[in-house]
Amino acid sequence: MITTDKRRWIEIAAVLATGLLKYVLMDWLNFRALYIAAACIFWSVYIYKRYRQNNFILQEWGFRKNHFKQAFLFLLPFALVMVAGIVWYGIFYNAIFLNWHVIPVFVFYPAWGIIQQFLVVALVAGNLQEIKVVNLSKSGIFLLTSLVFAWVHYPSLPLMVFTFFMELIFLAAYFKWRNLWVLGLYHGWVASLLLFFVLGRDLWNELWTVF
């Protein structure tokens, strides 16, 4: 089943709507767990329904084992540099490393990272590449998509800057090897450490705290 341009535009609009809901449910109402759970369920159901219509859509999107090693090794230097920088920052500014909350976040955050990367790289960047009336170069798609991803992380300026440049690197890996699993893993692992030890945010407490 061929994906039409109309469906691609609808998918992009749905991703943007998901981003807008983040401001309402997470930033304003502080319903973090509700938002994340609802987004994961909604998009997981959508992925399943599209798969039932088109058995090749998962491969097209990047839910594949092919090229896992190549993409993993390509992004490994980025991850190592980020972790080294995070550890240095944490030691220099006396971050609290012995916090057990980082363990469940480190384990479960990659699942949320996979959903986020699916929305951004597969449904936004991937669709922009395929829509016939869009006349953007690959670098233009990378720039626009990374700006969208940074916008979702407003109002944290450090997080916006980090996610912008991270997504540029992730997009390069995705367009070359089309593997979402690797992006989700690195997203979850690096972001967990960054938020805990650089930005001082306890994601485990944030998830269960309302108001």
Protein backbone atom coordinates (compact mmCIF):
# COMPACT_ATOMS: atom_id res chain seq x y z
CA MET A 1 0.00 0.00 0.00
CA ILE A 2 1.52 3.29 -1.16
CA THR A 3 1.65 6.13 1.38
CA THR A 4 0.00 9.17 -0.20
CA ASP A 5 1.20 12.73 0.22
CA LYS A 6 -2.07 13.52 1.99
CA ARG A 7 -1.35 10.89 4.64
CA ARG A 8 2.21 12.17 5.00
CA TRP A 9 0.94 15.71 5.68
CA ILE A 10 -1.55 14.35 8.20
CA GLU A 11 1.24 12.47 9.97
CA ILE A 12 3.38 15.62 10.16
CA ALA A 13 0.41 17.58 11.52
CA ALA A 14 -0.24 14.87 14.11
CA VAL A 15 3.38 15.03 15.24
CA LEU A 16 3.17 18.81 15.63
CA ALA A 17 -0.08 18.40 17.59
CA THR A 18 1.68 15.92 19.87
CA GLY A 19 4.38 18.53 20.45
CA LEU A 20 1.81 21.21 21.27
CA LEU A 21 0.08 18.90 23.74
CA LYS A 22 3.41 18.62 25.56
CA TYR A 23 3.16 22.31 26.49
CA VAL A 24 -0.38 21.85 27.80
CA LEU A 25 -0.11 18.52 29.63
CA MET A 26 3.53 18.52 30.74
CA ASP A 27 4.58 22.15 31.07
CA TRP A 28 1.29 23.74 32.13
CA LEU A 29 -0.75 21.04 33.90
CA ASN A 30 2.31 18.98 34.95
CA PHE A 31 0.69 15.69 33.90
CA ARG A 32 3.98 14.20 32.72
CA ALA A 33 3.19 10.53 33.24
CA LEU A 34 -0.23 10.95 31.59
CA TYR A 35 1.23 12.71 28.56
CA ILE A 36 4.04 10.21 28.01
CA ALA A 37 1.74 7.21 28.48
CA ALA A 38 -0.94 8.65 26.19
CA ALA A 39 1.58 9.55 23.47
CA CYS A 40 3.21 6.11 23.61
CA ILE A 41 -0.13 4.30 23.45
CA PHE A 42 -1.55 6.47 20.67
CA TRP A 43 1.50 6.17 18.43
CA SER A 44 2.00 2.48 19.19
CA VAL A 45 -1.58 1.82 18.09
CA TYR A 46 -0.98 3.90 14.96
CA ILE A 47 2.19 1.96 14.16
CA TYR A 48 0.29 -1.33 14.56
CA LYS A 49 -2.61 -0.20 12.37
CA ARG A 50 -0.28 1.00 9.62
CA TYR A 51 1.58 -2.31 9.80
CA ARG A 52 -1.69 -4.20 9.32
CA GLN A 53 -2.29 -2.14 6.17
CA ASN A 54 1.27 -2.32 4.89
CA ASN A 55 3.63 -5.08 6.03
CA PHE A 56 6.65 -3.14 4.75
CA ILE A 57 5.98 0.10 6.63
CA LEU A 58 8.09 -0.88 9.65
CA GLN A 59 11.11 -1.41 7.42
CA GLU A 60 10.41 1.88 5.68
CA TRP A 61 10.22 3.74 8.97
CA GLY A 62 13.35 2.15 10.42
CA PHE A 63 12.05 -0.49 12.83
CA ARG A 64 14.60 -2.97 11.53
CA LYS A 65 17.65 -4.87 12.69
CA ASN A 66 19.54 -4.14 9.47
CA HIS A 67 22.56 -1.86 9.90
CA PHE A 68 22.17 -1.72 13.69
CA LYS A 69 25.90 -2.19 14.20
CA GLN A 70 26.88 0.44 11.63
CA ALA A 71 24.55 3.06 13.08
CA PHE A 72 25.55 2.18 16.65
CA LEU A 73 29.26 2.57 15.91
CA PHE A 74 28.66 5.78 13.95
CA LEU A 75 26.94 7.40 16.95
CA LEU A 76 29.25 5.91 19.57
CA PRO A 77 31.84 8.75 19.43
CA PHE A 78 29.04 11.30 19.95
CA ALA A 79 27.77 9.34 22.95
CA LEU A 80 31.24 8.92 24.48
CA VAL A 81 32.04 12.62 24.11
CA MET A 82 28.70 13.57 25.66
CA VAL A 83 29.10 11.15 28.58
CA ALA A 84 32.65 12.36 29.22
CA GLY A 85 31.44 15.96 29.19
CA ILE A 86 28.54 15.13 31.50
CA VAL A 87 30.80 13.34 33.99
CA TRP A 88 33.32 16.20 33.93
CA TYR A 89 30.55 18.76 34.48
CA GLY A 90 29.02 16.71 37.27
CA ILE A 91 32.33 16.36 39.11
CA PHE A 92 33.26 20.02 38.62
CA TYR A 93 29.87 21.28 39.86
CA ASN A 94 29.43 18.60 42.54
CA ALA A 95 26.44 16.85 41.01
CA ILE A 96 24.88 14.06 43.08
CA PHE A 97 25.83 10.87 41.24
CA LEU A 98 24.61 8.41 43.88
CA ASN A 99 20.92 8.76 43.07
CA TRP A 100 19.11 5.48 42.42
CA HIS A 101 16.42 7.34 40.45
CA VAL A 102 18.77 7.46 37.48
CA ILE A 103 18.64 3.66 37.15
CA PRO A 104 14.94 3.22 36.21
CA VAL A 105 15.10 6.31 34.00
CA PHE A 106 18.22 4.96 32.25
CA VAL A 107 16.39 1.65 31.66
CA PHE A 108 13.01 2.96 30.53
CA TYR A 109 13.84 6.28 28.87
CA PRO A 110 15.06 4.62 25.62
CA ALA A 111 11.50 3.38 24.97
CA TRP A 112 10.26 6.99 25.07
CA GLY A 113 13.32 7.95 23.03
CA ILE A 114 12.34 5.50 20.29
CA ILE A 115 8.85 7.01 20.08
CA GLN A 116 10.29 10.52 19.92
CA GLN A 117 12.78 9.61 17.21
CA PHE A 118 10.07 7.81 15.25
CA LEU A 119 7.96 10.97 15.28
CA VAL A 120 10.80 13.30 14.38
CA VAL A 121 13.01 11.41 11.94
CA ALA A 122 10.52 9.00 10.34
CA LEU A 123 7.30 11.02 10.26
CA VAL A 124 8.69 14.54 9.94
CA ALA A 125 12.05 14.22 8.15
CA GLY A 126 11.14 11.02 6.30
CA ASN A 127 7.85 12.42 5.04
CA LEU A 128 9.37 15.76 4.04
CA GLN A 129 11.84 13.83 1.92
CA GLU A 130 9.06 11.90 0.16
CA ILE A 131 6.33 14.53 -0.34
CA LYS A 132 6.42 15.56 -3.98
CA VAL A 133 5.61 19.26 -3.57
CA VAL A 134 8.31 19.79 -0.93
CA ASN A 135 11.47 21.04 -2.59
CA LEU A 136 13.93 20.94 0.28
CA SER A 137 17.49 19.73 0.11
CA LYS A 138 18.63 17.10 2.59
CA SER A 139 20.44 19.78 4.60
CA GLY A 140 17.24 21.85 4.59
CA ILE A 141 15.25 18.89 5.92
CA PHE A 142 17.89 18.28 8.59
CA LEU A 143 17.80 21.90 9.69
CA LEU A 144 14.00 22.21 9.74
CA THR A 145 13.50 18.91 11.55
CA SER A 146 16.14 19.71 14.16
CA LEU A 147 14.51 23.10 14.77
CA VAL A 148 11.16 21.38 15.31
CA PHE A 149 12.72 18.98 17.80
CA ALA A 150 14.45 21.84 19.63
CA TRP A 151 11.17 23.80 19.74
CA VAL A 152 9.48 20.92 21.57
CA HIS A 153 12.02 21.31 24.39
CA TYR A 154 11.26 25.00 25.00
CA PRO A 155 11.68 26.81 27.44
CA SER A 156 14.96 25.12 28.47
CA LEU A 157 17.54 26.88 26.31
CA PRO A 158 20.41 24.44 27.12
CA LEU A 159 18.14 21.50 26.27
CA MET A 160 17.00 23.18 23.06
CA VAL A 161 20.60 23.72 21.95
CA PHE A 162 21.58 20.16 22.84
CA THR A 163 18.59 18.54 21.11
CA PHE A 164 19.11 20.65 17.98
CA PHE A 165 22.67 19.46 17.44
CA MET A 166 21.92 15.92 18.62
CA GLU A 167 19.16 15.63 16.07
CA LEU A 168 21.39 16.81 13.25
CA ILE A 169 23.75 13.92 14.03
CA PHE A 170 20.88 11.46 14.47
CA LEU A 171 19.37 12.46 11.13
CA ALA A 172 22.69 11.80 9.39
CA ALA A 173 22.69 8.28 10.87
CA TYR A 174 19.02 7.71 10.05
CA PHE A 175 19.21 8.78 6.42
CA LYS A 176 22.27 6.58 5.91
CA TRP A 177 21.17 3.40 7.75
CA ARG A 178 17.46 3.84 8.57
CA ASN A 179 17.58 2.25 12.03
CA LEU A 180 15.37 3.75 14.74
CA TRP A 181 16.40 1.37 17.50
CA VAL A 182 19.90 2.85 17.73
CA LEU A 183 18.59 6.42 17.81
CA GLY A 184 16.15 5.59 20.60
CA LEU A 185 18.80 3.88 22.70
CA TYR A 186 21.31 6.71 22.46
CA HIS A 187 18.57 9.29 22.93
CA GLY A 188 17.43 7.65 26.15
CA TRP A 189 20.88 6.99 27.60
CA VAL A 190 22.53 10.33 26.86
CA ALA A 191 19.44 12.39 27.72
CA SER A 192 19.02 10.58 31.06
CA LEU A 193 22.55 11.46 32.14
CA LEU A 194 22.38 15.01 30.78
CA LEU A 195 19.14 15.84 32.56
CA PHE A 196 20.21 14.34 35.87
CA PHE A 197 23.82 15.45 36.16
CA VAL A 198 23.98 18.66 34.11
CA LEU A 199 20.51 20.19 34.25
CA GLY A 200 19.82 18.88 37.75
CA ARG A 201 16.45 17.36 36.90
CA ASP A 202 15.21 14.22 38.65
CA LEU A 203 13.05 12.71 35.90
CA TRP A 204 11.77 9.96 38.18
CA ASN A 205 10.35 12.50 40.63
CA GLU A 206 9.05 14.67 37.80
CA LEU A 207 7.18 11.74 36.34
CA TRP A 208 5.16 11.09 39.48
CA THR A 209 4.81 14.60 40.85
CA VAL A 210 1.65 16.53 40.00
CA PHE A 211 1.61 20.24 40.88
